[in-house]
Amino acid sequence: MVVDGTYAKMWISKGILYFVYKEIYEINRIMAKQIVSQRLQLQNENSYPIFCDLRAVKNAQKQARDYLAIEGAYMTTALALLVEDEHSMVITQLYIKTSNPTYPTRVFTNKEKALLFLQDYKE
């Protein structure tokens, strides 16, 4: 099953939840709530490692980032974030360090390496 929402396309394949953001200039808290709600419906009370492709997102408001990191963490066993370049990687790593997620989280610029990281967290 594929969920093609307003802000992201998501599906589950081989024990990993794939989450690909559509082109968005800036995510706000309202958008973040809708995104998390759609993801949780797709997961149907099952936890998954999540591959999240952020390359089409330019920015996220602090309230949205905080919501995604806290409330948005529900039913997440691990998170691999795919970003466009080294600059985005540094900014995202800094945010991860300050938000201190309760599940393993890493940032990548290479999709294959991101998916390899998630293999250990599949159930």
PDB file of N, CA and C in Angstrom:
ATOM      1  N   MET A   1       0.835  -1.183   0.000  1.00  0.00           N
ATOM      2  CA  MET A   1       0.000   0.000   0.000  1.00  0.00           C
ATOM      3  C   MET A   1       0.881   1.247   0.000  1.00  0.00           C
ATOM      4  N   VAL A   2       0.539   2.199  -0.858  1.00  0.00           N
ATOM      5  CA  VAL A   2       1.262   3.460  -0.943  1.00  0.00           C
ATOM      6  C   VAL A   2       0.321   4.581  -0.522  1.00  0.00           C
ATOM      7  N   VAL A   3       0.804   5.428   0.379  1.00  0.00           N
ATOM      8  CA  VAL A   3       0.050   6.615   0.767  1.00  0.00           C
ATOM      9  C   VAL A   3       0.696   7.791   0.050  1.00  0.00           C
ATOM     10  N   ASP A   4      -0.056   8.417  -0.840  1.00  0.00           N
ATOM     11  CA  ASP A   4       0.446   9.568  -1.588  1.00  0.00           C
ATOM     12  C   ASP A   4      -0.248  10.807  -1.038  1.00  0.00           C
ATOM     13  N   GLY A   5       0.305  11.342   0.051  1.00  0.00           N
ATOM     14  CA  GLY A   5      -0.292  12.478   0.734  1.00  0.00           C
ATOM     15  C   GLY A   5       0.078  13.802   0.096  1.00  0.00           C
ATOM     16  N   THR A   6      -0.409  14.861   0.692  1.00  0.00           N
ATOM     17  CA  THR A   6      -0.145  16.208   0.201  1.00  0.00           C
ATOM     18  C   THR A   6       1.341  16.546   0.268  1.00  0.00           C
ATOM     19  N   TYR A   7       2.003  16.112   1.339  1.00  0.00           N
ATOM     20  CA  TYR A   7       3.386  16.524   1.583  1.00  0.00           C
ATOM     21  C   TYR A   7       4.418  15.422   1.402  1.00  0.00           C
ATOM     22  N   ALA A   8       3.974  14.170   1.369  1.00  0.00           N
ATOM     23  CA  ALA A   8       4.934  13.070   1.267  1.00  0.00           C
ATOM     24  C   ALA A   8       4.266  11.830   0.692  1.00  0.00           C
ATOM     25  N   LYS A   9       5.110  10.993   0.124  1.00  0.00           N
ATOM     26  CA  LYS A   9       4.674   9.682  -0.360  1.00  0.00           C
ATOM     27  C   LYS A   9       5.340   8.657   0.548  1.00  0.00           C
ATOM     28  N   MET A  10       4.566   7.676   1.023  1.00  0.00           N
ATOM     29  CA  MET A  10       5.136   6.690   1.946  1.00  0.00           C
ATOM     30  C   MET A  10       4.597   5.298   1.668  1.00  0.00           C
ATOM     31  N   TRP A  11       5.440   4.313   1.951  1.00  0.00           N
ATOM     32  CA  TRP A  11       5.065   2.921   1.767  1.00  0.00           C
ATOM     33  C   TRP A  11       5.992   2.057   2.614  1.00  0.00           C
ATOM     34  N   ILE A  12       5.586   0.807   2.814  1.00  0.00           N
ATOM     35  CA  ILE A  12       6.388  -0.147   3.576  1.00  0.00           C
ATOM     36  C   ILE A  12       6.842  -1.243   2.623  1.00  0.00           C
ATOM     37  N   SER A  13       8.138  -1.531   2.649  1.00  0.00           N
ATOM     38  CA  SER A  13       8.692  -2.568   1.792  1.00  0.00           C
ATOM     39  C   SER A  13       9.818  -3.283   2.532  1.00  0.00           C
ATOM     40  N   LYS A  14       9.728  -4.595   2.603  1.00  0.00           N
ATOM     41  CA  LYS A  14      10.761  -5.439   3.217  1.00  0.00           C
ATOM     42  C   LYS A  14      11.144  -4.961   4.614  1.00  0.00           C
ATOM     43  N   GLY A  15      10.138  -4.604   5.418  1.00  0.00           N
ATOM     44  CA  GLY A  15      10.370  -4.246   6.808  1.00  0.00           C
ATOM     45  C   GLY A  15      10.837  -2.832   7.070  1.00  0.00           C
ATOM     46  N   ILE A  16      10.869  -1.997   6.045  1.00  0.00           N
ATOM     47  CA  ILE A  16      11.287  -0.599   6.197  1.00  0.00           C
ATOM     48  C   ILE A  16      10.167   0.302   5.692  1.00  0.00           C
ATOM     49  N   LEU A  17       9.912   1.368   6.441  1.00  0.00           N
ATOM     50  CA  LEU A  17       8.944   2.362   6.001  1.00  0.00           C
ATOM     51  C   LEU A  17       9.699   3.430   5.210  1.00  0.00           C
ATOM     52  N   TYR A  18       9.317   3.603   3.961  1.00  0.00           N
ATOM     53  CA  TYR A  18       9.921   4.606   3.086  1.00  0.00           C
ATOM     54  C   TYR A  18       9.059   5.860   3.127  1.00  0.00           C
ATOM     55  N   PHE A  19       9.722   6.983   3.296  1.00  0.00           N
ATOM     56  CA  PHE A  19       9.020   8.243   3.472  1.00  0.00           C
ATOM     57  C   PHE A  19       9.747   9.271   2.610  1.00  0.00           C
ATOM     58  N   VAL A  20       9.124   9.697   1.516  1.00  0.00           N
ATOM     59  CA  VAL A  20       9.768  10.626   0.590  1.00  0.00           C
ATOM     60  C   VAL A  20       8.956  11.912   0.551  1.00  0.00           C
ATOM     61  N   TYR A  21       9.559  12.977   1.059  1.00  0.00           N
ATOM     62  CA  TYR A  21       8.880  14.277   1.039  1.00  0.00           C
ATOM     63  C   TYR A  21       8.768  14.803  -0.380  1.00  0.00           C
ATOM     64  N   LYS A  22       7.656  15.471  -0.638  1.00  0.00           N
ATOM     65  CA  LYS A  22       7.468  16.176  -1.896  1.00  0.00           C
ATOM     66  C   LYS A  22       8.145  17.542  -1.763  1.00  0.00           C
ATOM     67  N   GLU A  23       8.250  18.266  -2.858  1.00  0.00           N
ATOM     68  CA  GLU A  23       8.915  19.557  -2.809  1.00  0.00           C
ATOM     69  C   GLU A  23       8.131  20.512  -1.909  1.00  0.00           C
ATOM     70  N   ILE A  24       8.800  20.920  -0.840  1.00  0.00           N
ATOM     71  CA  ILE A  24       8.189  21.806   0.152  1.00  0.00           C
ATOM     72  C   ILE A  24       9.208  22.878   0.488  1.00  0.00           C
ATOM     73  N   TYR A  25       8.754  24.123   0.479  1.00  0.00           N
ATOM     74  CA  TYR A  25       9.686  25.183   0.865  1.00  0.00           C
ATOM     75  C   TYR A  25       9.924  25.154   2.370  1.00  0.00           C
ATOM     76  N   GLU A  26       8.831  25.070   3.153  1.00  0.00           N
ATOM     77  CA  GLU A  26       8.988  25.075   4.599  1.00  0.00           C
ATOM     78  C   GLU A  26       7.867  24.279   5.267  1.00  0.00           C
ATOM     79  N   ILE A  27       8.254  23.360   6.128  1.00  0.00           N
ATOM     80  CA  ILE A  27       7.273  22.569   6.883  1.00  0.00           C
ATOM     81  C   ILE A  27       6.902  23.346   8.143  1.00  0.00           C
ATOM     82  N   ASN A  28       5.598  23.464   8.395  1.00  0.00           N
ATOM     83  CA  ASN A  28       5.152  24.081   9.640  1.00  0.00           C
ATOM     84  C   ASN A  28       4.531  23.004  10.534  1.00  0.00           C
ATOM     85  N   ARG A  29       4.110  23.393  11.737  1.00  0.00           N
ATOM     86  CA  ARG A  29       3.589  22.420  12.705  1.00  0.00           C
ATOM     87  C   ARG A  29       2.310  21.740  12.214  1.00  0.00           C
ATOM     88  N   ILE A  30       1.433  22.468  11.548  1.00  0.00           N
ATOM     89  CA  ILE A  30       0.189  21.884  11.024  1.00  0.00           C
ATOM     90  C   ILE A  30       0.511  20.800  10.000  1.00  0.00           C
ATOM     91  N   MET A  31       1.445  21.095   9.122  1.00  0.00           N
ATOM     92  CA  MET A  31       1.866  20.107   8.126  1.00  0.00           C
ATOM     93  C   MET A  31       2.486  18.894   8.814  1.00  0.00           C
ATOM     94  N   ALA A  32       3.318  19.133   9.821  1.00  0.00           N
ATOM     95  CA  ALA A  32       3.985  18.047  10.545  1.00  0.00           C
ATOM     96  C   ALA A  32       2.960  17.110  11.181  1.00  0.00           C
ATOM     97  N   LYS A  33       1.918  17.672  11.781  1.00  0.00           N
ATOM     98  CA  LYS A  33       0.875  16.847  12.403  1.00  0.00           C
ATOM     99  C   LYS A  33       0.178  15.967  11.363  1.00  0.00           C
ATOM    100  N   GLN A  34      -0.116  16.534  10.204  1.00  0.00           N
ATOM    101  CA  GLN A  34      -0.780  15.765   9.147  1.00  0.00           C
ATOM    102  C   GLN A  34       0.134  14.649   8.639  1.00  0.00           C
ATOM    103  N   ILE A  35       1.395  14.959   8.476  1.00  0.00           N
ATOM    104  CA  ILE A  35       2.379  13.985   7.998  1.00  0.00           C
ATOM    105  C   ILE A  35       2.477  12.806   8.968  1.00  0.00           C
ATOM    106  N   VAL A  36       2.586  13.096  10.263  1.00  0.00           N
ATOM    107  CA  VAL A  36       2.705  12.043  11.272  1.00  0.00           C
ATOM    108  C   VAL A  36       1.433  11.206  11.325  1.00  0.00           C
ATOM    109  N   SER A  37       0.289  11.856  11.238  1.00  0.00           N
ATOM    110  CA  SER A  37      -0.985  11.144  11.257  1.00  0.00           C
ATOM    111  C   SER A  37      -1.084  10.140  10.103  1.00  0.00           C
ATOM    112  N   GLN A  38      -0.691  10.560   8.906  1.00  0.00           N
ATOM    113  CA  GLN A  38      -0.729   9.663   7.746  1.00  0.00           C
ATOM    114  C   GLN A  38       0.245   8.503   7.928  1.00  0.00           C
ATOM    115  N   ARG A  39       1.427   8.795   8.471  1.00  0.00           N
ATOM    116  CA  ARG A  39       2.421   7.736   8.682  1.00  0.00           C
ATOM    117  C   ARG A  39       1.897   6.705   9.676  1.00  0.00           C
ATOM    118  N   LEU A  40       1.304   7.167  10.757  1.00  0.00           N
ATOM    119  CA  LEU A  40       0.811   6.236  11.777  1.00  0.00           C
ATOM    120  C   LEU A  40      -0.349   5.383  11.258  1.00  0.00           C
ATOM    121  N   GLN A  41      -1.179   5.937  10.402  1.00  0.00           N
ATOM    122  CA  GLN A  41      -2.252   5.149   9.788  1.00  0.00           C
ATOM    123  C   GLN A  41      -1.658   4.037   8.933  1.00  0.00           C
ATOM    124  N   LEU A  42      -0.638   4.376   8.154  1.00  0.00           N
ATOM    125  CA  LEU A  42       0.024   3.379   7.314  1.00  0.00           C
ATOM    126  C   LEU A  42       0.659   2.282   8.180  1.00  0.00           C
ATOM    127  N   GLN A  43       1.265   2.652   9.286  1.00  0.00           N
ATOM    128  CA  GLN A  43       1.951   1.689  10.140  1.00  0.00           C
ATOM    129  C   GLN A  43       0.995   0.758  10.879  1.00  0.00           C
ATOM    130  N   ASN A  44      -0.228   1.173  11.095  1.00  0.00           N
ATOM    131  CA  ASN A  44      -1.239   0.314  11.709  1.00  0.00           C
ATOM    132  C   ASN A  44      -0.740  -0.332  13.010  1.00  0.00           C
ATOM    133  N   GLU A  45      -0.173   0.503  13.904  1.00  0.00           N
ATOM    134  CA  GLU A  45       0.319   0.071  15.221  1.00  0.00           C
ATOM    135  C   GLU A  45       1.529  -0.862  15.175  1.00  0.00           C
ATOM    136  N   ASN A  46       2.257  -0.870  14.078  1.00  0.00           N
ATOM    137  CA  ASN A  46       3.491  -1.645  13.969  1.00  0.00           C
ATOM    138  C   ASN A  46       4.684  -0.689  13.903  1.00  0.00           C
ATOM    139  N   SER A  47       5.739  -1.013  14.640  1.00  0.00           N
ATOM    140  CA  SER A  47       6.948  -0.188  14.623  1.00  0.00           C
ATOM    141  C   SER A  47       7.829  -0.565  13.435  1.00  0.00           C
ATOM    142  N   TYR A  48       8.488   0.432  12.874  1.00  0.00           N
ATOM    143  CA  TYR A  48       9.373   0.207  11.725  1.00  0.00           C
ATOM    144  C   TYR A  48      10.595   1.113  11.808  1.00  0.00           C
ATOM    145  N   PRO A  49      11.693   0.677  11.199  1.00  0.00           N
ATOM    146  CA  PRO A  49      12.769   1.616  10.918  1.00  0.00           C
ATOM    147  C   PRO A  49      12.300   2.467   9.733  1.00  0.00           C
ATOM    148  N   ILE A  50      12.669   3.744   9.729  1.00  0.00           N
ATOM    149  CA  ILE A  50      12.158   4.662   8.716  1.00  0.00           C
ATOM    150  C   ILE A  50      13.290   5.262   7.890  1.00  0.00           C
ATOM    151  N   PHE A  51      13.123   5.163   6.583  1.00  0.00           N
ATOM    152  CA  PHE A  51      13.993   5.838   5.626  1.00  0.00           C
ATOM    153  C   PHE A  51      13.255   7.107   5.220  1.00  0.00           C
ATOM    154  N   CYS A  52      13.832   8.261   5.521  1.00  0.00           N
ATOM    155  CA  CYS A  52      13.167   9.539   5.265  1.00  0.00           C
ATOM    156  C   CYS A  52      14.008  10.380   4.304  1.00  0.00           C
ATOM    157  N   ASP A  53      13.477  10.586   3.105  1.00  0.00           N
ATOM    158  CA  ASP A  53      14.160  11.360   2.076  1.00  0.00           C
ATOM    159  C   ASP A  53      13.728  12.821   2.211  1.00  0.00           C
ATOM    160  N   LEU A  54      14.649  13.644   2.711  1.00  0.00           N
ATOM    161  CA  LEU A  54      14.385  15.064   2.949  1.00  0.00           C
ATOM    162  C   LEU A  54      14.887  15.974   1.832  1.00  0.00           C
ATOM    163  N   ARG A  55      15.384  15.410   0.761  1.00  0.00           N
ATOM    164  CA  ARG A  55      16.067  16.220  -0.255  1.00  0.00           C
ATOM    165  C   ARG A  55      15.192  17.296  -0.895  1.00  0.00           C
ATOM    166  N   ALA A  56      13.875  17.123  -0.921  1.00  0.00           N
ATOM    167  CA  ALA A  56      13.000  18.115  -1.553  1.00  0.00           C
ATOM    168  C   ALA A  56      12.512  19.190  -0.574  1.00  0.00           C
ATOM    169  N   VAL A  57      12.897  19.072   0.699  1.00  0.00           N
ATOM    170  CA  VAL A  57      12.469  20.047   1.705  1.00  0.00           C
ATOM    171  C   VAL A  57      13.565  21.093   1.883  1.00  0.00           C
ATOM    172  N   LYS A  58      13.169  22.347   1.824  1.00  0.00           N
ATOM    173  CA  LYS A  58      14.154  23.428   1.971  1.00  0.00           C
ATOM    174  C   LYS A  58      14.339  23.845   3.419  1.00  0.00           C
ATOM    175  N   ASN A  59      13.249  23.842   4.202  1.00  0.00           N
ATOM    176  CA  ASN A  59      13.328  24.330   5.576  1.00  0.00           C
ATOM    177  C   ASN A  59      12.188  23.737   6.405  1.00  0.00           C
ATOM    178  N   ALA A  60      12.340  23.788   7.720  1.00  0.00           N
ATOM    179  CA  ALA A  60      11.272  23.379   8.630  1.00  0.00           C
ATOM    180  C   ALA A  60      11.295  24.323   9.822  1.00  0.00           C
ATOM    181  N   GLN A  61      10.127  24.822  10.194  1.00  0.00           N
ATOM    182  CA  GLN A  61      10.041  25.702  11.354  1.00  0.00           C
ATOM    183  C   GLN A  61      10.406  24.908  12.609  1.00  0.00           C
ATOM    184  N   LYS A  62      10.918  25.611  13.617  1.00  0.00           N
ATOM    185  CA  LYS A  62      11.350  24.936  14.839  1.00  0.00           C
ATOM    186  C   LYS A  62      10.213  24.134  15.470  1.00  0.00           C
ATOM    187  N   GLN A  63       9.011  24.676  15.518  1.00  0.00           N
ATOM    188  CA  GLN A  63       7.876  23.941  16.098  1.00  0.00           C
ATOM    189  C   GLN A  63       7.612  22.650  15.329  1.00  0.00           C
ATOM    190  N   ALA A  64       7.764  22.684  14.023  1.00  0.00           N
ATOM    191  CA  ALA A  64       7.560  21.485  13.200  1.00  0.00           C
ATOM    192  C   ALA A  64       8.657  20.466  13.477  1.00  0.00           C
ATOM    193  N   ARG A  65       9.899  20.916  13.541  1.00  0.00           N
ATOM    194  CA  ARG A  65      11.022  20.004  13.827  1.00  0.00           C
ATOM    195  C   ARG A  65      10.844  19.348  15.189  1.00  0.00           C
ATOM    196  N   ASP A  66      10.452  20.146  16.178  1.00  0.00           N
ATOM    197  CA  ASP A  66      10.254  19.608  17.525  1.00  0.00           C
ATOM    198  C   ASP A  66       9.111  18.591  17.545  1.00  0.00           C
ATOM    199  N   TYR A  67       8.029  18.887  16.847  1.00  0.00           N
ATOM    200  CA  TYR A  67       6.898  17.955  16.789  1.00  0.00           C
ATOM    201  C   TYR A  67       7.326  16.644  16.137  1.00  0.00           C
ATOM    202  N   LEU A  68       8.027  16.740  15.017  1.00  0.00           N
ATOM    203  CA  LEU A  68       8.465  15.536  14.304  1.00  0.00           C
ATOM    204  C   LEU A  68       9.432  14.715  15.158  1.00  0.00           C
ATOM    205  N   ALA A  69      10.282  15.376  15.929  1.00  0.00           N
ATOM    206  CA  ALA A  69      11.272  14.671  16.746  1.00  0.00           C
ATOM    207  C   ALA A  69      10.664  14.027  17.982  1.00  0.00           C
ATOM    208  N   ILE A  70       9.591  14.612  18.525  1.00  0.00           N
ATOM    209  CA  ILE A  70       9.022  14.091  19.774  1.00  0.00           C
ATOM    210  C   ILE A  70       7.770  13.263  19.480  1.00  0.00           C
ATOM    211  N   GLU A  71       6.664  13.917  19.179  1.00  0.00           N
ATOM    212  CA  GLU A  71       5.426  13.190  18.884  1.00  0.00           C
ATOM    213  C   GLU A  71       5.579  12.324  17.637  1.00  0.00           C
ATOM    214  N   GLY A  72       6.345  12.803  16.686  1.00  0.00           N
ATOM    215  CA  GLY A  72       6.543  12.082  15.439  1.00  0.00           C
ATOM    216  C   GLY A  72       7.408  10.844  15.564  1.00  0.00           C
ATOM    217  N   ALA A  73       7.999  10.645  16.732  1.00  0.00           N
ATOM    218  CA  ALA A  73       8.878   9.493  16.942  1.00  0.00           C
ATOM    219  C   ALA A  73       8.122   8.214  17.280  1.00  0.00           C
ATOM    220  N   TYR A  74       6.844   8.327  17.572  1.00  0.00           N
ATOM    221  CA  TYR A  74       6.057   7.171  17.974  1.00  0.00           C
ATOM    222  C   TYR A  74       6.121   6.074  16.911  1.00  0.00           C
ATOM    223  N   MET A  75       6.371   4.838  17.340  1.00  0.00           N
ATOM    224  CA  MET A  75       6.420   3.663  16.475  1.00  0.00           C
ATOM    225  C   MET A  75       7.623   3.675  15.509  1.00  0.00           C
ATOM    226  N   THR A  76       8.710   4.347  15.909  1.00  0.00           N
ATOM    227  CA  THR A  76       9.925   4.406  15.104  1.00  0.00           C
ATOM    228  C   THR A  76      11.027   3.631  15.815  1.00  0.00           C
ATOM    229  N   THR A  77      11.628   2.642  15.142  1.00  0.00           N
ATOM    230  CA  THR A  77      12.710   1.876  15.768  1.00  0.00           C
ATOM    231  C   THR A  77      14.084   2.445  15.421  1.00  0.00           C
ATOM    232  N   ALA A  78      14.186   3.111  14.271  1.00  0.00           N
ATOM    233  CA  ALA A  78      15.420   3.766  13.838  1.00  0.00           C
ATOM    234  C   ALA A  78      15.051   4.710  12.703  1.00  0.00           C
ATOM    235  N   LEU A  79      15.906   5.702  12.479  1.00  0.00           N
ATOM    236  CA  LEU A  79      15.613   6.690  11.444  1.00  0.00           C
ATOM    237  C   LEU A  79      16.870   7.012  10.655  1.00  0.00           C
ATOM    238  N   ALA A  80      16.765   6.875   9.337  1.00  0.00           N
ATOM    239  CA  ALA A  80      17.839   7.284   8.423  1.00  0.00           C
ATOM    240  C   ALA A  80      17.306   8.452   7.608  1.00  0.00           C
ATOM    241  N   LEU A  81      17.972   9.589   7.718  1.00  0.00           N
ATOM    242  CA  LEU A  81      17.566  10.791   6.988  1.00  0.00           C
ATOM    243  C   LEU A  81      18.482  10.978   5.788  1.00  0.00           C
ATOM    244  N   LEU A  82      17.889  11.118   4.619  1.00  0.00           N
ATOM    245  CA  LEU A  82      18.658  11.340   3.395  1.00  0.00           C
ATOM    246  C   LEU A  82      18.569  12.821   3.037  1.00  0.00           C
ATOM    247  N   VAL A  83      19.727  13.482   2.961  1.00  0.00           N
ATOM    248  CA  VAL A  83      19.771  14.906   2.628  1.00  0.00           C
ATOM    249  C   VAL A  83      20.564  15.109   1.340  1.00  0.00           C
ATOM    250  N   GLU A  84      20.466  16.312   0.817  1.00  0.00           N
ATOM    251  CA  GLU A  84      21.029  16.628  -0.506  1.00  0.00           C
ATOM    252  C   GLU A  84      22.551  16.731  -0.519  1.00  0.00           C
ATOM    253  N   ASP A  85      23.129  17.399   0.495  1.00  0.00           N
ATOM    254  CA  ASP A  85      24.559  17.710   0.422  1.00  0.00           C
ATOM    255  C   ASP A  85      25.173  17.796   1.823  1.00  0.00           C
ATOM    256  N   GLU A  86      26.470  18.042   1.860  1.00  0.00           N
ATOM    257  CA  GLU A  86      27.201  18.092   3.127  1.00  0.00           C
ATOM    258  C   GLU A  86      26.696  19.219   4.037  1.00  0.00           C
ATOM    259  N   HIS A  87      26.327  20.358   3.457  1.00  0.00           N
ATOM    260  CA  HIS A  87      25.812  21.480   4.246  1.00  0.00           C
ATOM    261  C   HIS A  87      24.535  21.057   4.983  1.00  0.00           C
ATOM    262  N   SER A  88      23.615  20.434   4.267  1.00  0.00           N
ATOM    263  CA  SER A  88      22.377  19.949   4.880  1.00  0.00           C
ATOM    264  C   SER A  88      22.671  18.895   5.936  1.00  0.00           C
ATOM    265  N   MET A  89      23.682  18.091   5.684  1.00  0.00           N
ATOM    266  CA  MET A  89      24.051  17.036   6.623  1.00  0.00           C
ATOM    267  C   MET A  89      24.512  17.644   7.951  1.00  0.00           C
ATOM    268  N   VAL A  90      25.350  18.652   7.891  1.00  0.00           N
ATOM    269  CA  VAL A  90      25.868  19.285   9.105  1.00  0.00           C
ATOM    270  C   VAL A  90      24.734  19.908   9.914  1.00  0.00           C
ATOM    271  N   ILE A  91      23.841  20.609   9.254  1.00  0.00           N
ATOM    272  CA  ILE A  91      22.709  21.242   9.939  1.00  0.00           C
ATOM    273  C   ILE A  91      21.810  20.183  10.579  1.00  0.00           C
ATOM    274  N   THR A  92      21.524  19.121   9.850  1.00  0.00           N
ATOM    275  CA  THR A  92      20.647  18.060  10.363  1.00  0.00           C
ATOM    276  C   THR A  92      21.309  17.322  11.520  1.00  0.00           C
ATOM    277  N   GLN A  93      22.601  17.072  11.428  1.00  0.00           N
ATOM    278  CA  GLN A  93      23.317  16.394  12.522  1.00  0.00           C
ATOM    279  C   GLN A  93      23.307  17.244  13.786  1.00  0.00           C
ATOM    280  N   LEU A  94      23.434  18.543  13.630  1.00  0.00           N
ATOM    281  CA  LEU A  94      23.394  19.438  14.782  1.00  0.00           C
ATOM    282  C   LEU A  94      22.024  19.373  15.446  1.00  0.00           C
ATOM    283  N   TYR A  95      20.971  19.363  14.645  1.00  0.00           N
ATOM    284  CA  TYR A  95      19.626  19.279  15.215  1.00  0.00           C
ATOM    285  C   TYR A  95      19.421  17.944  15.941  1.00  0.00           C
ATOM    286  N   ILE A  96      19.906  16.870  15.364  1.00  0.00           N
ATOM    287  CA  ILE A  96      19.777  15.550  16.003  1.00  0.00           C
ATOM    288  C   ILE A  96      20.504  15.551  17.342  1.00  0.00           C
ATOM    289  N   LYS A  97      21.677  16.126  17.358  1.00  0.00           N
ATOM    290  CA  LYS A  97      22.457  16.162  18.598  1.00  0.00           C
ATOM    291  C   LYS A  97      21.721  16.930  19.692  1.00  0.00           C
ATOM    292  N   THR A  98      21.083  18.038  19.347  1.00  0.00           N
ATOM    293  CA  THR A  98      20.385  18.843  20.353  1.00  0.00           C
ATOM    294  C   THR A  98      19.027  18.250  20.729  1.00  0.00           C
ATOM    295  N   SER A  99      18.367  17.545  19.804  1.00  0.00           N
ATOM    296  CA  SER A  99      17.050  16.974  20.120  1.00  0.00           C
ATOM    297  C   SER A  99      17.156  15.618  20.810  1.00  0.00           C
ATOM    298  N   ASN A 100      18.304  14.973  20.692  1.00  0.00           N
ATOM    299  CA  ASN A 100      18.597  13.719  21.390  1.00  0.00           C
ATOM    300  C   ASN A 100      17.475  12.677  21.257  1.00  0.00           C
ATOM    301  N   PRO A 101      17.231  12.160  20.045  1.00  0.00           N
ATOM    302  CA  PRO A 101      16.153  11.177  19.856  1.00  0.00           C
ATOM    303  C   PRO A 101      16.402   9.899  20.657  1.00  0.00           C
ATOM    304  N   THR A 102      15.305   9.215  20.987  1.00  0.00           N
ATOM    305  CA  THR A 102      15.384   7.995  21.805  1.00  0.00           C
ATOM    306  C   THR A 102      15.653   6.751  20.969  1.00  0.00           C
ATOM    307  N   TYR A 103      15.748   6.889  19.669  1.00  0.00           N
ATOM    308  CA  TYR A 103      15.989   5.769  18.758  1.00  0.00           C
ATOM    309  C   TYR A 103      17.206   6.112  17.899  1.00  0.00           C
ATOM    310  N   PRO A 104      17.903   5.119  17.386  1.00  0.00           N
ATOM    311  CA  PRO A 104      19.078   5.387  16.551  1.00  0.00           C
ATOM    312  C   PRO A 104      18.702   6.239  15.335  1.00  0.00           C
ATOM    313  N   THR A 105      19.464   7.309  15.126  1.00  0.00           N
ATOM    314  CA  THR A 105      19.188   8.246  14.047  1.00  0.00           C
ATOM    315  C   THR A 105      20.500   8.653  13.392  1.00  0.00           C
ATOM    316  N   ARG A 106      20.531   8.573  12.065  1.00  0.00           N
ATOM    317  CA  ARG A 106      21.726   9.008  11.327  1.00  0.00           C
ATOM    318  C   ARG A 106      21.323   9.745  10.070  1.00  0.00           C
ATOM    319  N   VAL A 107      22.224  10.586   9.601  1.00  0.00           N
ATOM    320  CA  VAL A 107      21.999  11.387   8.399  1.00  0.00           C
ATOM    321  C   VAL A 107      22.950  10.899   7.306  1.00  0.00           C
ATOM    322  N   PHE A 108      22.432  10.827   6.081  1.00  0.00           N
ATOM    323  CA  PHE A 108      23.213  10.324   4.952  1.00  0.00           C
ATOM    324  C   PHE A 108      23.016  11.204   3.721  1.00  0.00           C
ATOM    325  N   THR A 109      23.990  11.157   2.837  1.00  0.00           N
ATOM    326  CA  THR A 109      23.833  11.739   1.502  1.00  0.00           C
ATOM    327  C   THR A 109      23.773  10.625   0.464  1.00  0.00           C
ATOM    328  N   ASN A 110      23.874   9.372   0.922  1.00  0.00           N
ATOM    329  CA  ASN A 110      23.863   8.213   0.042  1.00  0.00           C
ATOM    330  C   ASN A 110      22.716   7.280   0.445  1.00  0.00           C
ATOM    331  N   LYS A 111      21.789   7.036  -0.473  1.00  0.00           N
ATOM    332  CA  LYS A 111      20.601   6.233  -0.181  1.00  0.00           C
ATOM    333  C   LYS A 111      20.955   4.810   0.226  1.00  0.00           C
ATOM    334  N   GLU A 112      21.883   4.174  -0.472  1.00  0.00           N
ATOM    335  CA  GLU A 112      22.240   2.789  -0.183  1.00  0.00           C
ATOM    336  C   GLU A 112      22.808   2.641   1.231  1.00  0.00           C
ATOM    337  N   LYS A 113      23.643   3.596   1.649  1.00  0.00           N
ATOM    338  CA  LYS A 113      24.215   3.553   2.995  1.00  0.00           C
ATOM    339  C   LYS A 113      23.122   3.758   4.047  1.00  0.00           C
ATOM    340  N   ALA A 114      22.170   4.618   3.746  1.00  0.00           N
ATOM    341  CA  ALA A 114      21.055   4.857   4.671  1.00  0.00           C
ATOM    342  C   ALA A 114      20.243   3.577   4.865  1.00  0.00           C
ATOM    343  N   LEU A 115      19.940   2.897   3.765  1.00  0.00           N
ATOM    344  CA  LEU A 115      19.145   1.666   3.847  1.00  0.00           C
ATOM    345  C   LEU A 115      19.928   0.554   4.537  1.00  0.00           C
ATOM    346  N   LEU A 116      21.218   0.501   4.327  1.00  0.00           N
ATOM    347  CA  LEU A 116      22.064  -0.485   4.996  1.00  0.00           C
ATOM    348  C   LEU A 116      22.042  -0.277   6.513  1.00  0.00           C
ATOM    349  N   PHE A 117      22.097   0.977   6.947  1.00  0.00           N
ATOM    350  CA  PHE A 117      22.021   1.307   8.375  1.00  0.00           C
ATOM    351  C   PHE A 117      20.736   0.768   9.001  1.00  0.00           C
ATOM    352  N   LEU A 118      19.627   0.840   8.291  1.00  0.00           N
ATOM    353  CA  LEU A 118      18.326   0.431   8.831  1.00  0.00           C
ATOM    354  C   LEU A 118      18.147  -1.084   8.928  1.00  0.00           C
ATOM    355  N   GLN A 119      18.953  -1.855   8.221  1.00  0.00           N
ATOM    356  CA  GLN A 119      18.796  -3.314   8.193  1.00  0.00           C
ATOM    357  C   GLN A 119      18.828  -3.935   9.590  1.00  0.00           C
ATOM    358  N   ASP A 120      19.647  -3.390  10.476  1.00  0.00           N
ATOM    359  CA  ASP A 120      19.782  -3.947  11.824  1.00  0.00           C
ATOM    360  C   ASP A 120      18.549  -3.703  12.709  1.00  0.00           C
ATOM    361  N   TYR A 121      17.646  -2.844  12.262  1.00  0.00           N
ATOM    362  CA  TYR A 121      16.524  -2.462  13.108  1.00  0.00           C
ATOM    363  C   TYR A 121      15.177  -3.016  12.601  1.00  0.00           C
ATOM    364  N   LYS A 122      15.240  -3.851  11.589  1.00  0.00           N
ATOM    365  CA  LYS A 122      14.010  -4.483  11.081  1.00  0.00           C
ATOM    366  C   LYS A 122      13.601  -5.583  12.037  1.00  0.00           C
ATOM    367  N   GLU A 123      12.303  -5.791  12.163  1.00  0.00           N
ATOM    368  CA  GLU A 123      11.809  -6.854  13.065  1.00  0.00           C
ATOM    369  C   GLU A 123      11.531  -8.111  12.310  1.00  0.00           C
TER     370      GLU A 123
END
